Amino acid sequence: MSTKIQIPAGLTVQIAGDKIIVIGPKGSVERKFPVKNLEIKQVGAEIEVAPPGKTATYKALEGAFAAHIRNMFKGVQEPFVYKLKITYVHFPMTVKIEGNKLTVKNFLGAKRDKIAKIPTGVVVKLDGDFITVSSPDIELAGKTVSLIEQTTRISNRDRRVFLDGIYLIEKQGRLILTT
């Protein structure tokens, strides 16, 4: 058994060993699949993921890799977009984006700035109290959102009282939290 994934029109796929590169109109995504014995090859206008056996482990890997490849196809056609909200109650904090760094000043009255590094391949925009993160690579976009949220993580305080922070509110058009 093997899983076959149809390559959408307008996309270019390059397979070199355990690395797959997908190029589309909105960018390119590159990913390594370092698993022995699992064969990923291009057959015409399809990508075939073929495990060597029928064990549960290989079937799970086959399904996971197929999902990753589909996400690569989606990302190069329409980037993955996440929205975050800047929230403060006690101290007015300011957020700036300079180059590949997001800087949070005056978080809970702290003198030291909090900095999140933005990986290459991710576009971060600031619009008032909202931050938009977009990338053709779903993992890079999710990692960036996590890094931004972690800069304002609160510990040793009551989360019901100290509501300050940057929180994910929207993921691919689906509302996560109400604003």
N, C-alpha and C. Protein backbone atom coordinates (compact mmCIF):
# COMPACT_ATOMS: atom_id res chain seq x y z
N MET A 1 0.85 -1.19 0.00
CA MET A 1 0.00 0.00 0.00
C MET A 1 0.88 1.24 0.00
N SER A 2 0.41 2.25 -0.67
CA SER A 2 1.10 3.53 -0.67
C SER A 2 0.07 4.64 -0.81
N THR A 3 0.45 5.81 -0.35
CA THR A 3 -0.43 6.97 -0.45
C THR A 3 0.01 7.80 -1.64
N LYS A 4 -0.95 8.20 -2.47
CA LYS A 4 -0.66 9.03 -3.63
C LYS A 4 -1.31 10.40 -3.42
N ILE A 5 -0.51 11.43 -3.62
CA ILE A 5 -0.97 12.80 -3.42
C ILE A 5 -0.87 13.52 -4.76
N GLN A 6 -1.98 14.05 -5.21
CA GLN A 6 -2.03 14.77 -6.49
C GLN A 6 -1.33 16.12 -6.34
N ILE A 7 -0.43 16.45 -7.27
CA ILE A 7 0.25 17.74 -7.26
C ILE A 7 -0.66 18.75 -7.94
N PRO A 8 -1.06 19.83 -7.24
CA PRO A 8 -1.94 20.83 -7.86
C PRO A 8 -1.26 21.52 -9.04
N ALA A 9 -2.09 22.00 -9.97
CA ALA A 9 -1.57 22.69 -11.15
C ALA A 9 -0.84 23.97 -10.74
N GLY A 10 0.27 24.26 -11.39
CA GLY A 10 1.01 25.48 -11.13
C GLY A 10 2.11 25.32 -10.09
N LEU A 11 2.25 24.14 -9.51
CA LEU A 11 3.29 23.90 -8.51
C LEU A 11 4.40 23.05 -9.09
N THR A 12 5.61 23.31 -8.63
CA THR A 12 6.77 22.54 -9.04
C THR A 12 7.29 21.79 -7.83
N VAL A 13 7.55 20.50 -7.98
CA VAL A 13 8.05 19.68 -6.88
C VAL A 13 9.40 19.10 -7.29
N GLN A 14 10.38 19.24 -6.38
CA GLN A 14 11.70 18.66 -6.59
C GLN A 14 12.00 17.74 -5.42
N ILE A 15 12.37 16.49 -5.72
CA ILE A 15 12.70 15.52 -4.68
C ILE A 15 14.16 15.12 -4.88
N ALA A 16 14.95 15.34 -3.81
CA ALA A 16 16.36 14.98 -3.85
C ALA A 16 16.68 14.21 -2.57
N GLY A 17 16.73 12.90 -2.66
CA GLY A 17 16.99 12.07 -1.48
C GLY A 17 15.82 12.14 -0.52
N ASP A 18 16.09 12.63 0.69
CA ASP A 18 15.01 12.74 1.68
C ASP A 18 14.49 14.17 1.81
N LYS A 19 14.84 15.03 0.86
CA LYS A 19 14.40 16.43 0.87
C LYS A 19 13.39 16.69 -0.24
N ILE A 20 12.31 17.42 0.10
CA ILE A 20 11.30 17.81 -0.88
C ILE A 20 11.22 19.32 -0.91
N ILE A 21 11.24 19.89 -2.11
CA ILE A 21 11.10 21.33 -2.30
C ILE A 21 9.86 21.56 -3.16
N VAL A 22 8.93 22.37 -2.64
CA VAL A 22 7.71 22.70 -3.37
C VAL A 22 7.76 24.19 -3.67
N ILE A 23 7.62 24.54 -4.96
CA ILE A 23 7.67 25.93 -5.39
C ILE A 23 6.31 26.28 -6.01
N GLY A 24 5.76 27.39 -5.54
CA GLY A 24 4.45 27.82 -6.02
C GLY A 24 4.39 29.31 -6.21
N PRO A 25 3.21 29.86 -6.50
CA PRO A 25 3.08 31.28 -6.78
C PRO A 25 3.33 32.18 -5.56
N LYS A 26 3.13 31.68 -4.34
CA LYS A 26 3.30 32.50 -3.13
C LYS A 26 4.58 32.21 -2.37
N GLY A 27 5.49 31.42 -2.94
CA GLY A 27 6.76 31.14 -2.28
C GLY A 27 7.18 29.70 -2.46
N SER A 28 8.17 29.32 -1.67
CA SER A 28 8.65 27.94 -1.73
C SER A 28 8.84 27.41 -0.31
N VAL A 29 8.68 26.10 -0.18
CA VAL A 29 8.84 25.43 1.11
C VAL A 29 9.75 24.23 0.90
N GLU A 30 10.68 24.06 1.83
CA GLU A 30 11.64 22.97 1.75
C GLU A 30 11.55 22.17 3.05
N ARG A 31 11.56 20.86 2.95
CA ARG A 31 11.45 20.03 4.14
C ARG A 31 12.19 18.71 3.95
N LYS A 32 12.85 18.26 5.02
CA LYS A 32 13.52 16.96 5.00
C LYS A 32 12.65 15.93 5.68
N PHE A 33 12.62 14.73 5.13
CA PHE A 33 11.91 13.60 5.70
C PHE A 33 12.93 12.51 5.99
N PRO A 34 13.67 12.60 7.10
CA PRO A 34 14.77 11.67 7.36
C PRO A 34 14.33 10.35 8.01
N VAL A 35 13.69 9.51 7.23
CA VAL A 35 13.28 8.19 7.73
C VAL A 35 13.80 7.14 6.76
N LYS A 36 14.50 6.16 7.30
CA LYS A 36 15.02 5.09 6.46
C LYS A 36 13.88 4.22 5.97
N ASN A 37 14.07 3.66 4.81
CA ASN A 37 13.16 2.69 4.21
C ASN A 37 11.83 3.26 3.71
N LEU A 38 11.48 4.47 4.04
CA LEU A 38 10.23 5.06 3.56
C LEU A 38 10.55 5.79 2.26
N GLU A 39 9.91 5.40 1.20
CA GLU A 39 10.23 5.90 -0.13
C GLU A 39 9.24 6.99 -0.53
N ILE A 40 9.77 8.15 -0.90
CA ILE A 40 8.96 9.26 -1.41
C ILE A 40 9.45 9.55 -2.81
N LYS A 41 8.56 9.39 -3.80
CA LYS A 41 8.97 9.62 -5.18
C LYS A 41 7.85 10.28 -5.96
N GLN A 42 8.24 10.93 -7.05
CA GLN A 42 7.27 11.60 -7.93
C GLN A 42 6.99 10.70 -9.11
N VAL A 43 5.69 10.41 -9.30
CA VAL A 43 5.25 9.58 -10.42
C VAL A 43 4.26 10.41 -11.22
N GLY A 44 4.73 10.99 -12.31
CA GLY A 44 3.86 11.84 -13.12
C GLY A 44 3.46 13.09 -12.36
N ALA A 45 2.17 13.31 -12.20
CA ALA A 45 1.65 14.48 -11.48
C ALA A 45 1.23 14.11 -10.06
N GLU A 46 1.87 13.07 -9.50
CA GLU A 46 1.56 12.63 -8.15
C GLU A 46 2.84 12.39 -7.36
N ILE A 47 2.72 12.52 -6.05
CA ILE A 47 3.80 12.12 -5.16
C ILE A 47 3.33 10.86 -4.45
N GLU A 48 4.19 9.87 -4.44
CA GLU A 48 3.84 8.59 -3.83
C GLU A 48 4.70 8.38 -2.59
N VAL A 49 4.04 8.12 -1.46
CA VAL A 49 4.72 7.81 -0.20
C VAL A 49 4.50 6.32 0.04
N ALA A 50 5.58 5.55 -0.03
CA ALA A 50 5.47 4.09 0.06
C ALA A 50 6.29 3.56 1.22
N PRO A 51 5.63 2.96 2.22
CA PRO A 51 6.37 2.33 3.31
C PRO A 51 6.83 0.94 2.92
N PRO A 52 7.89 0.43 3.55
CA PRO A 52 8.38 -0.90 3.20
C PRO A 52 7.51 -2.03 3.74
N GLY A 53 6.77 -1.77 4.82
CA GLY A 53 5.95 -2.82 5.41
C GLY A 53 4.56 -2.31 5.75
N LYS A 54 3.79 -3.20 6.35
CA LYS A 54 2.41 -2.83 6.70
C LYS A 54 2.24 -2.68 8.20
N THR A 55 3.32 -2.36 8.90
CA THR A 55 3.23 -2.21 10.35
C THR A 55 2.51 -0.90 10.68
N ALA A 56 2.02 -0.81 11.89
CA ALA A 56 1.30 0.38 12.34
C ALA A 56 2.20 1.61 12.33
N THR A 57 3.47 1.43 12.67
CA THR A 57 4.41 2.54 12.68
C THR A 57 4.58 3.13 11.30
N TYR A 58 4.79 2.28 10.32
CA TYR A 58 4.98 2.77 8.95
C TYR A 58 3.69 3.38 8.39
N LYS A 59 2.55 2.84 8.74
CA LYS A 59 1.29 3.43 8.28
C LYS A 59 1.09 4.81 8.89
N ALA A 60 1.48 4.97 10.15
CA ALA A 60 1.37 6.27 10.81
C ALA A 60 2.31 7.27 10.17
N LEU A 61 3.54 6.85 9.88
CA LEU A 61 4.51 7.74 9.21
C LEU A 61 4.03 8.12 7.82
N GLU A 62 3.46 7.17 7.12
CA GLU A 62 2.94 7.42 5.77
C GLU A 62 1.86 8.50 5.82
N GLY A 63 0.93 8.40 6.76
CA GLY A 63 -0.14 9.39 6.89
C GLY A 63 0.38 10.74 7.33
N ALA A 64 1.35 10.75 8.25
CA ALA A 64 1.92 12.01 8.73
C ALA A 64 2.67 12.73 7.60
N PHE A 65 3.48 11.99 6.85
CA PHE A 65 4.23 12.61 5.77
C PHE A 65 3.30 13.11 4.67
N ALA A 66 2.25 12.37 4.39
CA ALA A 66 1.28 12.82 3.38
C ALA A 66 0.63 14.13 3.83
N ALA A 67 0.30 14.25 5.11
CA ALA A 67 -0.29 15.48 5.64
C ALA A 67 0.70 16.64 5.55
N HIS A 68 1.98 16.39 5.83
CA HIS A 68 3.00 17.44 5.72
C HIS A 68 3.12 17.92 4.28
N ILE A 69 3.10 16.99 3.35
CA ILE A 69 3.22 17.36 1.93
C ILE A 69 2.00 18.16 1.48
N ARG A 70 0.80 17.77 1.91
CA ARG A 70 -0.41 18.54 1.58
C ARG A 70 -0.33 19.96 2.15
N ASN A 71 0.20 20.09 3.37
CA ASN A 71 0.38 21.42 3.96
C ASN A 71 1.38 22.26 3.18
N MET A 72 2.40 21.60 2.64
CA MET A 72 3.37 22.32 1.80
C MET A 72 2.66 22.85 0.54
N PHE A 73 1.81 22.02 -0.06
CA PHE A 73 1.06 22.44 -1.25
C PHE A 73 0.14 23.61 -0.93
N LYS A 74 -0.56 23.55 0.21
CA LYS A 74 -1.47 24.64 0.61
C LYS A 74 -0.70 25.94 0.84
N GLY A 75 0.45 25.83 1.51
CA GLY A 75 1.22 27.01 1.89
C GLY A 75 1.77 27.80 0.72
N VAL A 76 2.21 27.10 -0.33
CA VAL A 76 2.78 27.82 -1.47
C VAL A 76 1.68 28.39 -2.38
N GLN A 77 0.45 27.95 -2.18
CA GLN A 77 -0.67 28.52 -2.94
C GLN A 77 -1.28 29.69 -2.17
N GLU A 78 -1.47 29.54 -0.87
CA GLU A 78 -2.01 30.60 -0.01
C GLU A 78 -1.32 30.48 1.34
N PRO A 79 -0.54 31.51 1.75
CA PRO A 79 0.22 31.41 3.00
C PRO A 79 -0.66 31.18 4.23
N PHE A 80 -0.08 30.56 5.23
CA PHE A 80 -0.77 30.34 6.51
C PHE A 80 -0.71 31.64 7.30
N VAL A 81 -1.86 32.09 7.82
CA VAL A 81 -1.96 33.38 8.51
C VAL A 81 -2.47 33.16 9.93
N TYR A 82 -1.77 33.75 10.88
CA TYR A 82 -2.16 33.72 12.28
C TYR A 82 -2.28 35.16 12.78
N LYS A 83 -3.26 35.43 13.66
CA LYS A 83 -3.42 36.76 14.22
C LYS A 83 -3.29 36.68 15.74
N LEU A 84 -2.55 37.64 16.29
CA LEU A 84 -2.36 37.73 17.73
C LEU A 84 -2.85 39.09 18.21
N LYS A 85 -3.26 39.15 19.48
CA LYS A 85 -3.73 40.41 20.06
C LYS A 85 -2.82 40.79 21.21
N ILE A 86 -2.45 42.08 21.24
CA ILE A 86 -1.65 42.63 22.33
C ILE A 86 -2.63 43.12 23.39
N THR A 87 -2.50 42.59 24.60
CA THR A 87 -3.43 42.92 25.68
C THR A 87 -2.64 43.40 26.89
N TYR A 88 -3.07 44.51 27.47
CA TYR A 88 -2.46 44.97 28.72
C TYR A 88 -3.52 45.63 29.58
N VAL A 89 -3.39 45.44 30.89
CA VAL A 89 -4.31 46.00 31.86
C VAL A 89 -3.55 46.94 32.80
N HIS A 90 -2.41 46.48 33.31
CA HIS A 90 -1.69 47.23 34.33
C HIS A 90 -0.76 48.29 33.76
N PHE A 91 0.14 47.90 32.89
CA PHE A 91 1.13 48.82 32.35
C PHE A 91 0.99 48.85 30.83
N PRO A 92 0.95 50.05 30.24
CA PRO A 92 0.86 50.10 28.77
C PRO A 92 2.17 49.66 28.13
N MET A 93 2.13 48.54 27.43
CA MET A 93 3.35 48.06 26.77
C MET A 93 3.32 48.45 25.30
N THR A 94 4.52 48.61 24.74
CA THR A 94 4.63 48.95 23.33
C THR A 94 5.37 47.81 22.62
N VAL A 95 4.95 47.56 21.38
CA VAL A 95 5.54 46.50 20.57
C VAL A 95 6.06 47.13 19.28
N LYS A 96 7.29 46.78 18.93
CA LYS A 96 7.91 47.28 17.69
C LYS A 96 8.52 46.12 16.93
N ILE A 97 8.48 46.23 15.61
CA ILE A 97 9.14 45.24 14.75
C ILE A 97 10.26 45.96 14.02
N GLU A 98 11.49 45.51 14.25
CA GLU A 98 12.66 46.10 13.61
C GLU A 98 13.48 44.97 13.00
N GLY A 99 13.49 44.92 11.67
CA GLY A 99 14.23 43.86 10.99
C GLY A 99 13.65 42.50 11.29
N ASN A 100 14.47 41.63 11.88
CA ASN A 100 13.98 40.29 12.22
C ASN A 100 13.77 40.12 13.72
N LYS A 101 13.44 41.24 14.41
CA LYS A 101 13.20 41.19 15.85
C LYS A 101 11.88 41.86 16.20
N LEU A 102 11.14 41.26 17.12
CA LEU A 102 9.95 41.88 17.68
C LEU A 102 10.31 42.24 19.12
N THR A 103 10.17 43.51 19.46
CA THR A 103 10.56 44.00 20.78
C THR A 103 9.34 44.44 21.56
N VAL A 104 9.22 43.97 22.79
CA VAL A 104 8.13 44.35 23.69
C VAL A 104 8.75 45.19 24.81
N LYS A 105 8.28 46.43 24.95
CA LYS A 105 8.81 47.33 25.98
C LYS A 105 7.77 47.53 27.06
N ASN A 106 8.22 47.68 28.30
CA ASN A 106 7.40 47.98 29.47
C ASN A 106 6.39 46.87 29.76
N PHE A 107 6.76 45.63 29.56
CA PHE A 107 5.86 44.52 29.88
C PHE A 107 5.81 44.36 31.40
N LEU A 108 4.64 44.55 31.99
CA LEU A 108 4.41 44.54 33.44
C LEU A 108 5.36 45.50 34.17
N GLY A 109 5.71 46.60 33.52
CA GLY A 109 6.55 47.61 34.13
C GLY A 109 8.03 47.26 34.18
N ALA A 110 8.44 46.21 33.48
CA ALA A 110 9.84 45.78 33.50
C ALA A 110 10.72 46.76 32.74
N LYS A 111 11.92 46.95 33.23
CA LYS A 111 12.87 47.86 32.57
C LYS A 111 13.52 47.21 31.35
N ARG A 112 13.70 45.90 31.41
CA ARG A 112 14.37 45.19 30.32
C ARG A 112 13.36 44.85 29.22
N ASP A 113 13.77 45.05 27.97
CA ASP A 113 12.91 44.73 26.83
C ASP A 113 12.87 43.22 26.61
N LYS A 114 11.73 42.74 26.14
CA LYS A 114 11.57 41.33 25.77
C LYS A 114 11.70 41.26 24.26
N ILE A 115 12.51 40.34 23.75
CA ILE A 115 12.78 40.26 22.31
C ILE A 115 12.46 38.86 21.79
N ALA A 116 11.75 38.81 20.66
CA ALA A 116 11.49 37.55 19.95
C ALA A 116 12.12 37.66 18.57
N LYS A 117 12.94 36.67 18.21
CA LYS A 117 13.57 36.67 16.89
C LYS A 117 12.60 36.07 15.89
N ILE A 118 12.48 36.73 14.74
CA ILE A 118 11.59 36.27 13.68
C ILE A 118 12.42 35.50 12.66
N PRO A 119 12.10 34.22 12.41
CA PRO A 119 12.87 33.44 11.43
C PRO A 119 12.68 33.97 10.01
N THR A 120 13.65 33.70 9.15
CA THR A 120 13.52 34.09 7.75
C THR A 120 12.43 33.25 7.10
N GLY A 121 11.70 33.87 6.19
CA GLY A 121 10.61 33.18 5.52
C GLY A 121 9.26 33.46 6.16
N VAL A 122 9.25 34.30 7.20
CA VAL A 122 8.01 34.65 7.91
C VAL A 122 7.83 36.16 7.82
N VAL A 123 6.59 36.59 7.52
CA VAL A 123 6.26 38.02 7.46
C VAL A 123 5.41 38.35 8.68
N VAL A 124 5.89 39.31 9.48
CA VAL A 124 5.17 39.74 10.68
C VAL A 124 4.81 41.20 10.50
N LYS A 125 3.51 41.51 10.65
CA LYS A 125 3.03 42.89 10.51
C LYS A 125 2.34 43.31 11.79
N LEU A 126 2.51 44.57 12.14
CA LEU A 126 1.90 45.14 13.33
C LEU A 126 0.86 46.16 12.90
N ASP A 127 -0.37 46.01 13.41
CA ASP A 127 -1.46 46.91 13.06
C ASP A 127 -2.22 47.26 14.34
N GLY A 128 -1.79 48.33 15.01
CA GLY A 128 -2.42 48.72 16.26
C GLY A 128 -2.15 47.69 17.33
N ASP A 129 -3.20 47.08 17.89
CA ASP A 129 -3.07 46.06 18.91
C ASP A 129 -3.06 44.65 18.34
N PHE A 130 -2.91 44.51 17.05
CA PHE A 130 -2.93 43.20 16.42
C PHE A 130 -1.62 42.93 15.68
N ILE A 131 -1.17 41.68 15.75
CA ILE A 131 0.03 41.23 15.04
C ILE A 131 -0.42 40.14 14.09
N THR A 132 0.01 40.23 12.82
CA THR A 132 -0.32 39.22 11.82
C THR A 132 0.97 38.51 11.42
N VAL A 133 0.96 37.19 11.51
CA VAL A 133 2.10 36.35 11.14
C VAL A 133 1.67 35.52 9.95
N SER A 134 2.45 35.57 8.85
CA SER A 134 2.13 34.76 7.68
C SER A 134 3.39 34.15 7.09
N SER A 135 3.23 32.93 6.56
CA SER A 135 4.35 32.21 5.95
C SER A 135 3.80 31.05 5.13
N PRO A 136 4.47 30.68 4.04
CA PRO A 136 4.05 29.49 3.31
C PRO A 136 4.36 28.19 4.06
N ASP A 137 5.26 28.26 5.03
CA ASP A 137 5.62 27.09 5.83
C ASP A 137 4.84 27.11 7.13
N ILE A 138 3.94 26.15 7.33
CA ILE A 138 3.07 26.12 8.50
C ILE A 138 3.88 25.98 9.79
N GLU A 139 4.98 25.25 9.75
CA GLU A 139 5.78 25.06 10.96
C GLU A 139 6.50 26.34 11.36
N LEU A 140 7.04 27.07 10.39
CA LEU A 140 7.69 28.34 10.70
C LEU A 140 6.70 29.36 11.25
N ALA A 141 5.50 29.41 10.66
CA ALA A 141 4.48 30.34 11.14
C ALA A 141 4.08 29.99 12.57
N GLY A 142 3.85 28.73 12.86
CA GLY A 142 3.48 28.30 14.20
C GLY A 142 4.59 28.54 15.21
N LYS A 143 5.83 28.29 14.80
CA LYS A 143 6.98 28.52 15.67
C LYS A 143 7.10 30.00 16.01
N THR A 144 6.90 30.87 15.03
CA THR A 144 6.99 32.31 15.25
C THR A 144 5.91 32.77 16.22
N VAL A 145 4.69 32.28 16.05
CA VAL A 145 3.59 32.63 16.97
C VAL A 145 3.96 32.21 18.38
N SER A 146 4.50 31.02 18.53
CA SER A 146 4.89 30.51 19.84
C SER A 146 5.99 31.38 20.46
N LEU A 147 6.98 31.77 19.66
CA LEU A 147 8.05 32.62 20.17
C LEU A 147 7.52 33.97 20.64
N ILE A 148 6.58 34.54 19.88
CA ILE A 148 6.00 35.83 20.26
C ILE A 148 5.20 35.69 21.55
N GLU A 149 4.39 34.64 21.65
CA GLU A 149 3.61 34.42 22.88
C GLU A 149 4.51 34.19 24.09
N GLN A 150 5.61 33.47 23.90
CA GLN A 150 6.50 33.16 25.01
C GLN A 150 7.24 34.38 25.55
N THR A 151 7.39 35.42 24.73
CA THR A 151 8.07 36.63 25.23
C THR A 151 7.28 37.29 26.34
N THR A 152 5.97 37.11 26.35
CA THR A 152 5.13 37.74 27.37
C THR A 152 4.48 36.70 28.28
N ARG A 153 5.12 35.58 28.46
CA ARG A 153 4.60 34.54 29.35
C ARG A 153 4.74 34.99 30.80
N ILE A 154 3.69 34.79 31.58
CA ILE A 154 3.68 35.20 32.97
C ILE A 154 3.77 33.96 33.85
N SER A 155 4.70 34.01 34.82
CA SER A 155 4.79 32.91 35.78
C SER A 155 4.80 33.49 37.19
N ASN A 156 4.41 32.70 38.15
CA ASN A 156 4.36 33.09 39.56
C ASN A 156 3.38 34.22 39.85
N ARG A 157 2.38 34.37 39.01
CA ARG A 157 1.33 35.36 39.25
C ARG A 157 0.00 34.74 38.87
N ASP A 158 -1.05 35.29 39.40
CA ASP A 158 -2.40 34.79 39.12
C ASP A 158 -2.81 35.23 37.71
N ARG A 159 -3.03 34.27 36.80
CA ARG A 159 -3.35 34.57 35.40
C ARG A 159 -4.71 35.27 35.27
N ARG A 160 -5.57 35.13 36.26
CA ARG A 160 -6.88 35.79 36.21
C ARG A 160 -6.77 37.27 36.48
N VAL A 161 -5.73 37.68 37.18
CA VAL A 161 -5.54 39.09 37.52
C VAL A 161 -4.59 39.74 36.51
N PHE A 162 -3.47 39.08 36.23
CA PHE A 162 -2.47 39.62 35.31
C PHE A 162 -2.76 39.10 33.91
N LEU A 163 -3.58 39.82 33.18
CA LEU A 163 -4.01 39.42 31.85
C LEU A 163 -3.11 39.95 30.74
N ASP A 164 -2.06 40.67 31.11
CA ASP A 164 -1.18 41.28 30.13
C ASP A 164 -0.47 40.20 29.31
N GLY A 165 -0.26 40.48 28.03
CA GLY A 165 0.46 39.55 27.18
C GLY A 165 0.05 39.67 25.73
N ILE A 166 0.60 38.80 24.92
CA ILE A 166 0.26 38.70 23.50
C ILE A 166 -0.31 37.30 23.30
N TYR A 167 -1.54 37.23 22.78
CA TYR A 167 -2.25 35.96 22.69
C TYR A 167 -2.74 35.69 21.27
N LEU A 168 -2.70 34.42 20.88
CA LEU A 168 -3.21 33.98 19.58
C LEU A 168 -4.74 34.05 19.62
N ILE A 169 -5.33 34.74 18.63
CA ILE A 169 -6.79 34.86 18.60
C ILE A 169 -7.40 34.26 17.34
N GLU A 170 -6.60 34.14 16.26
CA GLU A 170 -7.16 33.64 15.01
C GLU A 170 -6.11 32.80 14.29
N LYS A 171 -6.58 31.66 13.77
CA LYS A 171 -5.68 30.70 13.11
C LYS A 171 -6.33 30.29 11.81
N GLN A 172 -5.76 30.69 10.68
CA GLN A 172 -6.30 30.35 9.36
C GLN A 172 -7.77 30.73 9.21
N GLY A 173 -8.15 31.90 9.73
CA GLY A 173 -9.50 32.37 9.59
C GLY A 173 -10.47 31.85 10.66
N ARG A 174 -10.03 30.88 11.48
CA ARG A 174 -10.86 30.35 12.57
C ARG A 174 -10.57 31.12 13.85
N LEU A 175 -11.60 31.60 14.52
CA LEU A 175 -11.45 32.34 15.75
C LEU A 175 -11.08 31.40 16.88
N ILE A 176 -9.99 31.71 17.59
CA ILE A 176 -9.54 30.90 18.72
C ILE A 176 -10.07 31.52 20.02
N LEU A 177 -9.79 32.81 20.20
CA LEU A 177 -10.27 33.56 21.36
C LEU A 177 -11.08 34.74 20.88
N THR A 178 -12.03 35.16 21.66
CA THR A 178 -12.79 36.37 21.30
C THR A 178 -12.02 37.59 21.76
N THR A 179 -12.06 38.64 20.96
CA THR A 179 -11.29 39.84 21.28
C THR A 179 -12.06 40.77 22.16
